[in-house]
Amino acid sequence: MQLVAQLKKLLDSQPALSKAMALSVQDTFFFTFNYTSCKLAGCNLTQDTASAMLEGYRVKETDRDFTYQQMLLNQAAATNFMVEQAQAGVPLSLALAQEFNRLVLATGIYAEQAGQFRNQPIHVEGAKNFAPDPEVILSKLSQLIMDYNNDLASGKAVLERAIRFHADFLHLQPFVDGNGRVARLILNFELMKAGYPLLCIQPADKNEYFKCLSSADRGNYSAINELLHLEMVRSLNVMLNAGGRQLSRSCPELAQQVAELIPFPHKMIVEKTGRSL
């Protein structure tokens, strides 16, 4: 956690990237976030196929691939909207969460329910705890958002507080589908407003991510806090090595700490790793 603060402080002190380099880095982060968030939601598209699609190329498809292609394109539209709202400094609200879900589910089997709070019980496959009853969703989510905004106004650290909100939102499962993608959009919406790069949860960490969320369901947030701090270390490290920057030169001690903490620190997408938290 201290490492994140040190890396963020160093990043804030760096000269701005050139316009061309900033756009290149932004494109890389946007693709990584869209691809990894969909992978966590079960999308089986390869990186090459996903990249071609988002660049506007037509790709071959089966019926199942078409479903995943819709997921990816919806995700990209939602991310673009999220960035616009973050840049405008819009506060987190119920309406914003609903709009994220509407965009994530804009096409596909749940399109008619997009943006609407669920009206039926739901259980996430692999989860040990059932989500709260639909009757309490509106009141509980309203309270979560109010508490979150109040905590930020009182000076609570954004990253730690946003991670806790992320876990609490996913425990609630307010929508019939797309909750994980919406939760990751909200997380990055809040982090972008605070000047952080996009946090991209690695496909290699999917099982660990779900285990950490299960622990948070039982009131223990330490594991999810640690995992998402590590993912932010990766993003900050990428930024601190972009456009001719070299963390190993500007601050070798921090570079060594990064290398010891996360595998393949310069890779934006890691599909397989032996890491265990």
C-alpha atoms as a PDB file:
ATOM      1  CA  MET A   1       0.000   0.000   0.000  1.00  0.00           C
ATOM      2  CA  GLN A   2       2.864   2.349   0.771  1.00  0.00           C
ATOM      3  CA  LEU A   3       4.438   1.409  -2.564  1.00  0.00           C
ATOM      4  CA  VAL A   4       1.350   2.607  -4.429  1.00  0.00           C
ATOM      5  CA  ALA A   5       1.551   5.973  -2.679  1.00  0.00           C
ATOM      6  CA  GLN A   6       5.252   6.289  -3.522  1.00  0.00           C
ATOM      7  CA  LEU A   7       4.725   5.371  -7.176  1.00  0.00           C
ATOM      8  CA  LYS A   8       1.748   7.729  -7.491  1.00  0.00           C
ATOM      9  CA  LYS A   9       3.755  10.591  -5.981  1.00  0.00           C
ATOM     10  CA  LEU A  10       6.596   9.907  -8.411  1.00  0.00           C
ATOM     11  CA  LEU A  11       4.197   9.755 -11.361  1.00  0.00           C
ATOM     12  CA  ASP A  12       2.634  13.082 -10.379  1.00  0.00           C
ATOM     13  CA  SER A  13       6.094  14.667 -10.418  1.00  0.00           C
ATOM     14  CA  GLN A  14       6.945  13.471 -13.946  1.00  0.00           C
ATOM     15  CA  PRO A  15       6.819  15.777 -16.985  1.00  0.00           C
ATOM     16  CA  ALA A  16       3.784  15.191 -19.181  1.00  0.00           C
ATOM     17  CA  LEU A  17       4.124  12.708 -22.027  1.00  0.00           C
ATOM     18  CA  SER A  18       4.031  14.032 -25.568  1.00  0.00           C
ATOM     19  CA  LYS A  19       0.534  14.155 -27.065  1.00  0.00           C
ATOM     20  CA  ALA A  20       1.254  11.240 -29.400  1.00  0.00           C
ATOM     21  CA  MET A  21       2.740   9.105 -26.627  1.00  0.00           C
ATOM     22  CA  ALA A  22      -0.090   9.969 -24.232  1.00  0.00           C
ATOM     23  CA  LEU A  23      -2.641   8.812 -26.821  1.00  0.00           C
ATOM     24  CA  SER A  24      -0.683   5.608 -27.434  1.00  0.00           C
ATOM     25  CA  VAL A  25      -0.518   4.802 -23.721  1.00  0.00           C
ATOM     26  CA  GLN A  26      -4.198   5.666 -23.328  1.00  0.00           C
ATOM     27  CA  ASP A  27      -5.157   3.316 -26.170  1.00  0.00           C
ATOM     28  CA  THR A  28      -3.128   0.525 -24.575  1.00  0.00           C
ATOM     29  CA  PHE A  29      -4.792   1.005 -21.204  1.00  0.00           C
ATOM     30  CA  PHE A  30      -8.274   1.236 -22.718  1.00  0.00           C
ATOM     31  CA  PHE A  31      -7.819  -1.980 -24.687  1.00  0.00           C
ATOM     32  CA  THR A  32      -6.347  -3.760 -21.673  1.00  0.00           C
ATOM     33  CA  PHE A  33      -9.180  -2.695 -19.390  1.00  0.00           C
ATOM     34  CA  ASN A  34     -11.918  -3.618 -21.867  1.00  0.00           C
ATOM     35  CA  TYR A  35     -10.335  -6.966 -22.704  1.00  0.00           C
ATOM     36  CA  THR A  36      -9.512  -8.027 -19.141  1.00  0.00           C
ATOM     37  CA  SER A  37     -12.875  -6.951 -17.731  1.00  0.00           C
ATOM     38  CA  CYS A  38     -14.663  -9.028 -20.368  1.00  0.00           C
ATOM     39  CA  LYS A  39     -12.321 -11.977 -19.756  1.00  0.00           C
ATOM     40  CA  LEU A  40     -13.264 -11.882 -16.079  1.00  0.00           C
ATOM     41  CA  ALA A  41     -16.915 -12.000 -17.185  1.00  0.00           C
ATOM     42  CA  GLY A  42     -16.311 -15.171 -19.230  1.00  0.00           C
ATOM     43  CA  CYS A  43     -15.460 -13.771 -22.672  1.00  0.00           C
ATOM     44  CA  ASN A  44     -13.281 -16.204 -24.662  1.00  0.00           C
ATOM     45  CA  LEU A  45     -12.107 -13.890 -27.461  1.00  0.00           C
ATOM     46  CA  THR A  46      -8.373 -13.883 -28.071  1.00  0.00           C
ATOM     47  CA  GLN A  47      -6.355 -10.695 -27.707  1.00  0.00           C
ATOM     48  CA  ASP A  48      -5.836 -10.559 -31.476  1.00  0.00           C
ATOM     49  CA  THR A  49      -9.547 -10.917 -32.234  1.00  0.00           C
ATOM     50  CA  ALA A  50     -10.516  -8.387 -29.579  1.00  0.00           C
ATOM     51  CA  SER A  51      -7.924  -5.915 -30.834  1.00  0.00           C
ATOM     52  CA  ALA A  52      -9.089  -6.275 -34.438  1.00  0.00           C
ATOM     53  CA  MET A  53     -12.712  -5.756 -33.429  1.00  0.00           C
ATOM     54  CA  LEU A  54     -12.025  -2.608 -31.439  1.00  0.00           C
ATOM     55  CA  GLU A  55     -10.026  -1.233 -34.370  1.00  0.00           C
ATOM     56  CA  GLY A  56     -13.094  -1.670 -36.570  1.00  0.00           C
ATOM     57  CA  TYR A  57     -12.140  -4.802 -38.493  1.00  0.00           C
ATOM     58  CA  ARG A  58     -14.724  -7.446 -39.307  1.00  0.00           C
ATOM     59  CA  VAL A  59     -13.875 -10.855 -37.837  1.00  0.00           C
ATOM     60  CA  LYS A  60     -15.233 -14.353 -38.380  1.00  0.00           C
ATOM     61  CA  GLU A  61     -17.774 -15.426 -35.817  1.00  0.00           C
ATOM     62  CA  THR A  62     -19.817 -18.318 -34.478  1.00  0.00           C
ATOM     63  CA  ASP A  63     -23.038 -17.694 -32.544  1.00  0.00           C
ATOM     64  CA  ARG A  64     -21.117 -17.912 -29.285  1.00  0.00           C
ATOM     65  CA  ASP A  65     -18.375 -15.613 -30.527  1.00  0.00           C
ATOM     66  CA  PHE A  66     -21.034 -13.095 -31.549  1.00  0.00           C
ATOM     67  CA  THR A  67     -22.251 -12.954 -27.942  1.00  0.00           C
ATOM     68  CA  TYR A  68     -18.731 -12.225 -26.740  1.00  0.00           C
ATOM     69  CA  GLN A  69     -18.212  -9.673 -29.494  1.00  0.00           C
ATOM     70  CA  GLN A  70     -21.334  -7.856 -28.331  1.00  0.00           C
ATOM     71  CA  MET A  71     -19.982  -7.962 -24.786  1.00  0.00           C
ATOM     72  CA  LEU A  72     -16.677  -6.422 -25.840  1.00  0.00           C
ATOM     73  CA  LEU A  73     -18.227  -3.663 -27.964  1.00  0.00           C
ATOM     74  CA  ASN A  74     -20.687  -2.806 -25.197  1.00  0.00           C
ATOM     75  CA  GLN A  75     -17.804  -2.710 -22.723  1.00  0.00           C
ATOM     76  CA  ALA A  76     -15.832  -0.341 -24.956  1.00  0.00           C
ATOM     77  CA  ALA A  77     -18.799   2.029 -25.272  1.00  0.00           C
ATOM     78  CA  ALA A  78     -19.288   1.986 -21.501  1.00  0.00           C
ATOM     79  CA  THR A  79     -15.593   2.712 -20.924  1.00  0.00           C
ATOM     80  CA  ASN A  80     -15.679   5.690 -23.280  1.00  0.00           C
ATOM     81  CA  PHE A  81     -18.675   7.051 -21.391  1.00  0.00           C
ATOM     82  CA  MET A  82     -16.977   6.388 -18.053  1.00  0.00           C
ATOM     83  CA  VAL A  83     -13.904   8.374 -19.114  1.00  0.00           C
ATOM     84  CA  GLU A  84     -16.055  11.308 -20.255  1.00  0.00           C
ATOM     85  CA  GLN A  85     -17.860  11.378 -16.917  1.00  0.00           C
ATOM     86  CA  ALA A  86     -14.616  11.084 -14.943  1.00  0.00           C
ATOM     87  CA  GLN A  87     -13.023  13.937 -16.883  1.00  0.00           C
ATOM     88  CA  ALA A  88     -16.106  16.050 -16.161  1.00  0.00           C
ATOM     89  CA  GLY A  89     -15.768  15.312 -12.433  1.00  0.00           C
ATOM     90  CA  VAL A  90     -19.281  13.877 -12.150  1.00  0.00           C
ATOM     91  CA  PRO A  91     -20.017  12.443  -8.674  1.00  0.00           C
ATOM     92  CA  LEU A  92     -20.958   8.789  -8.228  1.00  0.00           C
ATOM     93  CA  SER A  93     -24.729   8.285  -8.191  1.00  0.00           C
ATOM     94  CA  LEU A  94     -27.442   5.672  -8.633  1.00  0.00           C
ATOM     95  CA  ALA A  95     -28.217   7.057 -12.074  1.00  0.00           C
ATOM     96  CA  LEU A  96     -24.593   6.721 -13.156  1.00  0.00           C
ATOM     97  CA  ALA A  97     -24.412   3.086 -12.015  1.00  0.00           C
ATOM     98  CA  GLN A  98     -27.609   2.373 -13.941  1.00  0.00           C
ATOM     99  CA  GLU A  99     -26.227   4.047 -17.061  1.00  0.00           C
ATOM    100  CA  PHE A 100     -23.068   1.950 -16.865  1.00  0.00           C
ATOM    101  CA  ASN A 101     -25.226  -1.171 -16.729  1.00  0.00           C
ATOM    102  CA  ARG A 102     -27.431   0.047 -19.570  1.00  0.00           C
ATOM    103  CA  LEU A 103     -24.357   0.432 -21.771  1.00  0.00           C
ATOM    104  CA  VAL A 104     -22.774  -2.865 -20.709  1.00  0.00           C
ATOM    105  CA  LEU A 105     -25.998  -4.764 -21.525  1.00  0.00           C
ATOM    106  CA  ALA A 106     -27.080  -2.578 -24.463  1.00  0.00           C
ATOM    107  CA  THR A 107     -27.235  -5.549 -26.834  1.00  0.00           C
ATOM    108  CA  GLY A 108     -27.687  -9.219 -26.026  1.00  0.00           C
ATOM    109  CA  ILE A 109     -30.111 -11.381 -24.067  1.00  0.00           C
ATOM    110  CA  TYR A 110     -30.462  -8.937 -21.167  1.00  0.00           C
ATOM    111  CA  ALA A 111     -30.941  -5.793 -23.269  1.00  0.00           C
ATOM    112  CA  GLU A 112     -34.546  -5.302 -22.100  1.00  0.00           C
ATOM    113  CA  GLN A 113     -33.397  -5.303 -18.461  1.00  0.00           C
ATOM    114  CA  ALA A 114     -30.340  -3.117 -19.021  1.00  0.00           C
ATOM    115  CA  GLY A 115     -30.037  -0.353 -16.452  1.00  0.00           C
ATOM    116  CA  GLN A 116     -32.837  -1.735 -14.281  1.00  0.00           C
ATOM    117  CA  PHE A 117     -32.322  -3.077 -10.786  1.00  0.00           C
ATOM    118  CA  ARG A 118     -33.049  -6.781 -10.601  1.00  0.00           C
ATOM    119  CA  ASN A 119     -36.448  -7.929  -9.326  1.00  0.00           C
ATOM    120  CA  GLN A 120     -35.506 -11.544  -8.678  1.00  0.00           C
ATOM    121  CA  PRO A 121     -33.086 -13.452  -6.438  1.00  0.00           C
ATOM    122  CA  ILE A 122     -29.637 -14.080  -7.875  1.00  0.00           C
ATOM    123  CA  HIS A 123     -26.700 -16.284  -6.995  1.00  0.00           C
ATOM    124  CA  VAL A 124     -23.304 -15.888  -8.603  1.00  0.00           C
ATOM    125  CA  GLU A 125     -21.754 -19.171  -9.702  1.00  0.00           C
ATOM    126  CA  GLY A 126     -18.924 -20.084  -7.362  1.00  0.00           C
ATOM    127  CA  ALA A 127     -19.934 -17.589  -4.681  1.00  0.00           C
ATOM    128  CA  LYS A 128     -20.458 -18.940  -1.168  1.00  0.00           C
ATOM    129  CA  ASN A 129     -22.952 -16.260  -0.172  1.00  0.00           C
ATOM    130  CA  PHE A 130     -26.283 -15.321  -1.704  1.00  0.00           C
ATOM    131  CA  ALA A 131     -26.857 -11.729  -2.777  1.00  0.00           C
ATOM    132  CA  PRO A 132     -29.400  -9.678  -0.789  1.00  0.00           C
ATOM    133  CA  ASP A 133     -33.082  -9.855  -1.749  1.00  0.00           C
ATOM    134  CA  PRO A 134     -34.157  -7.565  -4.610  1.00  0.00           C
ATOM    135  CA  GLU A 135     -36.491  -5.606  -2.321  1.00  0.00           C
ATOM    136  CA  VAL A 136     -33.538  -4.037  -0.483  1.00  0.00           C
ATOM    137  CA  ILE A 137     -31.322  -3.212  -3.473  1.00  0.00           C
ATOM    138  CA  LEU A 138     -32.385   0.403  -3.922  1.00  0.00           C
ATOM    139  CA  SER A 139     -32.030   1.320  -0.254  1.00  0.00           C
ATOM    140  CA  LYS A 140     -28.755  -0.552   0.236  1.00  0.00           C
ATOM    141  CA  LEU A 141     -27.088   0.794  -2.908  1.00  0.00           C
ATOM    142  CA  SER A 142     -28.264   4.323  -2.107  1.00  0.00           C
ATOM    143  CA  GLN A 143     -26.686   3.987   1.334  1.00  0.00           C
ATOM    144  CA  LEU A 144     -23.449   2.569  -0.108  1.00  0.00           C
ATOM    145  CA  ILE A 145     -23.115   5.501  -2.498  1.00  0.00           C
ATOM    146  CA  MET A 146     -23.968   8.094   0.148  1.00  0.00           C
ATOM    147  CA  ASP A 147     -21.467   6.608   2.611  1.00  0.00           C
ATOM    148  CA  TYR A 148     -18.799   6.453  -0.082  1.00  0.00           C
ATOM    149  CA  ASN A 149     -19.240  10.068  -1.166  1.00  0.00           C
ATOM    150  CA  ASN A 150     -19.305  11.228   2.463  1.00  0.00           C
ATOM    151  CA  ASP A 151     -16.091   9.336   3.219  1.00  0.00           C
ATOM    152  CA  LEU A 152     -14.311  10.956   0.283  1.00  0.00           C
ATOM    153  CA  ALA A 153     -15.556  14.377   1.355  1.00  0.00           C
ATOM    154  CA  SER A 154     -14.111  13.738   4.819  1.00  0.00           C
ATOM    155  CA  GLY A 155     -10.675  12.971   3.364  1.00  0.00           C
ATOM    156  CA  LYS A 156     -10.593   9.164   3.190  1.00  0.00           C
ATOM    157  CA  ALA A 157      -7.990   7.733   0.783  1.00  0.00           C
ATOM    158  CA  VAL A 158      -9.597   7.172  -2.610  1.00  0.00           C
ATOM    159  CA  LEU A 159      -7.987   3.850  -3.549  1.00  0.00           C
ATOM    160  CA  GLU A 160      -8.747   2.054  -0.290  1.00  0.00           C
ATOM    161  CA  ARG A 161     -12.289   3.422  -0.153  1.00  0.00           C
ATOM    162  CA  ALA A 162     -13.009   2.665  -3.813  1.00  0.00           C
ATOM    163  CA  ILE A 163     -11.816  -0.922  -3.348  1.00  0.00           C
ATOM    164  CA  ARG A 164     -14.172  -1.409  -0.421  1.00  0.00           C
ATOM    165  CA  PHE A 165     -17.060   0.049  -2.413  1.00  0.00           C
ATOM    166  CA  HIS A 166     -16.143  -2.295  -5.278  1.00  0.00           C
ATOM    167  CA  ALA A 167     -16.474  -5.327  -3.006  1.00  0.00           C
ATOM    168  CA  ASP A 168     -19.687  -4.092  -1.367  1.00  0.00           C
ATOM    169  CA  PHE A 169     -21.268  -3.362  -4.751  1.00  0.00           C
ATOM    170  CA  LEU A 170     -20.473  -6.866  -5.964  1.00  0.00           C
ATOM    171  CA  HIS A 171     -21.927  -8.373  -2.797  1.00  0.00           C
ATOM    172  CA  LEU A 172     -25.171  -6.538  -3.527  1.00  0.00           C
ATOM    173  CA  GLN A 173     -25.353  -7.666  -7.207  1.00  0.00           C
ATOM    174  CA  PRO A 174     -27.899  -4.944  -8.034  1.00  0.00           C
ATOM    175  CA  PHE A 175     -28.442  -5.892 -11.686  1.00  0.00           C
ATOM    176  CA  VAL A 176     -29.532  -9.104 -13.359  1.00  0.00           C
ATOM    177  CA  ASP A 177     -26.215  -9.280 -15.251  1.00  0.00           C
ATOM    178  CA  GLY A 178     -23.061  -7.240 -15.851  1.00  0.00           C
ATOM    179  CA  ASN A 179     -22.404  -6.468 -12.184  1.00  0.00           C
ATOM    180  CA  GLY A 180     -18.686  -7.239 -12.363  1.00  0.00           C
ATOM    181  CA  ARG A 181     -18.160  -5.090 -15.434  1.00  0.00           C
ATOM    182  CA  VAL A 182     -20.118  -2.231 -13.862  1.00  0.00           C
ATOM    183  CA  ALA A 183     -18.189  -2.570 -10.589  1.00  0.00           C
ATOM    184  CA  ARG A 184     -14.885  -2.341 -12.466  1.00  0.00           C
ATOM    185  CA  LEU A 185     -16.141   0.698 -14.383  1.00  0.00           C
ATOM    186  CA  ILE A 186     -17.119   2.426 -11.135  1.00  0.00           C
ATOM    187  CA  LEU A 187     -13.773   1.557  -9.549  1.00  0.00           C
ATOM    188  CA  ASN A 188     -11.855   3.122 -12.419  1.00  0.00           C
ATOM    189  CA  PHE A 189     -14.251   6.050 -12.682  1.00  0.00           C
ATOM    190  CA  GLU A 190     -13.357   6.996  -9.116  1.00  0.00           C
ATOM    191  CA  LEU A 191      -9.640   6.319  -9.555  1.00  0.00           C
ATOM    192  CA  MET A 192      -9.403   8.353 -12.768  1.00  0.00           C
ATOM    193  CA  LYS A 193     -10.902  11.365 -10.998  1.00  0.00           C
ATOM    194  CA  ALA A 194      -8.074  11.080  -8.458  1.00  0.00           C
ATOM    195  CA  GLY A 195      -5.390  10.967 -11.166  1.00  0.00           C
ATOM    196  CA  TYR A 196      -4.701   7.216 -11.160  1.00  0.00           C
ATOM    197  CA  PRO A 197      -4.222   5.166 -14.338  1.00  0.00           C
ATOM    198  CA  LEU A 198      -6.761   2.478 -15.150  1.00  0.00           C
ATOM    199  CA  LEU A 199      -6.630  -0.519 -12.834  1.00  0.00           C
ATOM    200  CA  CYS A 200      -6.829  -3.717 -14.909  1.00  0.00           C
ATOM    201  CA  ILE A 201      -7.459  -6.959 -13.037  1.00  0.00           C
ATOM    202  CA  GLN A 202      -5.424  -9.641 -14.763  1.00  0.00           C
ATOM    203  CA  PRO A 203      -7.099 -12.760 -16.218  1.00  0.00           C
ATOM    204  CA  ALA A 204      -4.384 -14.757 -14.433  1.00  0.00           C
ATOM    205  CA  ASP A 205      -5.750 -13.428 -11.132  1.00  0.00           C
ATOM    206  CA  LYS A 206      -9.399 -14.313 -11.824  1.00  0.00           C
ATOM    207  CA  ASN A 207      -9.685 -17.125  -9.268  1.00  0.00           C
ATOM    208  CA  GLU A 208      -7.803 -15.115  -6.651  1.00  0.00           C
ATOM    209  CA  TYR A 209     -10.023 -12.118  -7.344  1.00  0.00           C
ATOM    210  CA  PHE A 210     -13.172 -14.144  -6.730  1.00  0.00           C
ATOM    211  CA  LYS A 211     -11.716 -15.651  -3.543  1.00  0.00           C
ATOM    212  CA  CYS A 212     -10.864 -12.179  -2.277  1.00  0.00           C
ATOM    213  CA  LEU A 213     -14.401 -10.985  -3.003  1.00  0.00           C
ATOM    214  CA  SER A 214     -15.817 -13.964  -1.102  1.00  0.00           C
ATOM    215  CA  SER A 215     -13.685 -12.977   1.884  1.00  0.00           C
ATOM    216  CA  ALA A 216     -15.010  -9.424   1.612  1.00  0.00           C
ATOM    217  CA  ASP A 217     -18.567 -10.811   1.635  1.00  0.00           C
ATOM    218  CA  ARG A 218     -17.731 -12.156   5.089  1.00  0.00           C
ATOM    219  CA  GLY A 219     -16.390  -8.794   6.244  1.00  0.00           C
ATOM    220  CA  ASN A 220     -12.668  -9.328   5.568  1.00  0.00           C
ATOM    221  CA  TYR A 221     -11.459  -6.749   3.035  1.00  0.00           C
ATOM    222  CA  SER A 222      -7.724  -7.256   3.482  1.00  0.00           C
ATOM    223  CA  ALA A 223      -7.275  -9.753   0.620  1.00  0.00           C
ATOM    224  CA  ILE A 224      -9.170  -7.740  -2.009  1.00  0.00           C
ATOM    225  CA  ASN A 225      -7.390  -4.600  -0.832  1.00  0.00           C
ATOM    226  CA  GLU A 226      -3.999  -6.288  -1.271  1.00  0.00           C
ATOM    227  CA  LEU A 227      -4.811  -7.755  -4.682  1.00  0.00           C
ATOM    228  CA  LEU A 228      -6.118  -4.523  -6.167  1.00  0.00           C
ATOM    229  CA  HIS A 229      -3.214  -2.544  -4.737  1.00  0.00           C
ATOM    230  CA  LEU A 230      -0.917  -4.966  -6.568  1.00  0.00           C
ATOM    231  CA  GLU A 231      -2.858  -4.446  -9.793  1.00  0.00           C
ATOM    232  CA  MET A 232      -2.456  -0.687  -9.335  1.00  0.00           C
ATOM    233  CA  VAL A 233       1.288  -1.156  -8.822  1.00  0.00           C
ATOM    234  CA  ARG A 234       1.362  -2.765 -12.279  1.00  0.00           C
ATOM    235  CA  SER A 235      -0.506   0.155 -13.863  1.00  0.00           C
ATOM    236  CA  LEU A 236       1.661   2.777 -12.175  1.00  0.00           C
ATOM    237  CA  ASN A 237       4.791   0.877 -13.193  1.00  0.00           C
ATOM    238  CA  VAL A 238       3.660   0.880 -16.834  1.00  0.00           C
ATOM    239  CA  MET A 239       3.079   4.635 -16.671  1.00  0.00           C
ATOM    240  CA  LEU A 240       6.469   5.217 -15.066  1.00  0.00           C
ATOM    241  CA  ASN A 241       8.173   3.332 -17.911  1.00  0.00           C
ATOM    242  CA  ALA A 242       6.255   4.951 -20.784  1.00  0.00           C
ATOM    243  CA  GLY A 243       7.600   7.349 -23.376  1.00  0.00           C
ATOM    244  CA  GLY A 244      11.262   7.016 -22.549  1.00  0.00           C
ATOM    245  CA  ARG A 245      10.741   7.060 -18.810  1.00  0.00           C
ATOM    246  CA  GLN A 246      12.615   4.374 -16.881  1.00  0.00           C
ATOM    247  CA  LEU A 247      11.720   3.652 -13.291  1.00  0.00           C
ATOM    248  CA  SER A 248      14.925   1.657 -12.853  1.00  0.00           C
ATOM    249  CA  ARG A 249      16.868   4.859 -13.548  1.00  0.00           C
ATOM    250  CA  SER A 250      14.684   7.442 -11.830  1.00  0.00           C
ATOM    251  CA  CYS A 251      14.175   5.337  -8.703  1.00  0.00           C
ATOM    252  CA  PRO A 252      15.910   1.926  -8.729  1.00  0.00           C
ATOM    253  CA  GLU A 253      14.739   1.092  -5.201  1.00  0.00           C
ATOM    254  CA  LEU A 254      11.084   1.361  -6.208  1.00  0.00           C
ATOM    255  CA  ALA A 255      11.750  -0.580  -9.416  1.00  0.00           C
ATOM    256  CA  GLN A 256      13.217  -3.408  -7.347  1.00  0.00           C
ATOM    257  CA  GLN A 257      10.194  -3.461  -5.043  1.00  0.00           C
ATOM    258  CA  VAL A 258       7.868  -3.655  -8.045  1.00  0.00           C
ATOM    259  CA  ALA A 259       9.852  -6.541  -9.551  1.00  0.00           C
ATOM    260  CA  GLU A 260       9.694  -8.451  -6.275  1.00  0.00           C
ATOM    261  CA  LEU A 261       5.943  -7.959  -5.848  1.00  0.00           C
ATOM    262  CA  ILE A 262       4.398  -8.755  -9.203  1.00  0.00           C
ATOM    263  CA  PRO A 263       5.278 -11.161 -12.023  1.00  0.00           C
ATOM    264  CA  PHE A 264       5.923  -9.733 -15.490  1.00  0.00           C
ATOM    265  CA  PRO A 265       5.621  -6.112 -14.269  1.00  0.00           C
ATOM    266  CA  HIS A 266       5.941  -4.578 -17.749  1.00  0.00           C
ATOM    267  CA  LYS A 267       3.229  -6.733 -19.357  1.00  0.00           C
ATOM    268  CA  MET A 268      -0.216  -5.148 -19.552  1.00  0.00           C
ATOM    269  CA  ILE A 269      -2.050  -8.470 -19.863  1.00  0.00           C
ATOM    270  CA  VAL A 270      -0.981 -11.592 -17.986  1.00  0.00           C
ATOM    271  CA  GLU A 271      -2.948 -14.749 -18.757  1.00  0.00           C
ATOM    272  CA  LYS A 272      -0.958 -17.212 -16.643  1.00  0.00           C
ATOM    273  CA  THR A 273       1.113 -16.814 -13.511  1.00  0.00           C
ATOM    274  CA  GLY A 274       2.112 -18.858 -10.530  1.00  0.00           C
ATOM    275  CA  ARG A 275       1.498 -16.042  -8.096  1.00  0.00           C
ATOM    276  CA  SER A 276      -0.324 -16.854  -4.890  1.00  0.00           C
ATOM    277  CA  LEU A 277      -1.409 -14.207  -2.422  1.00  0.00           C
END
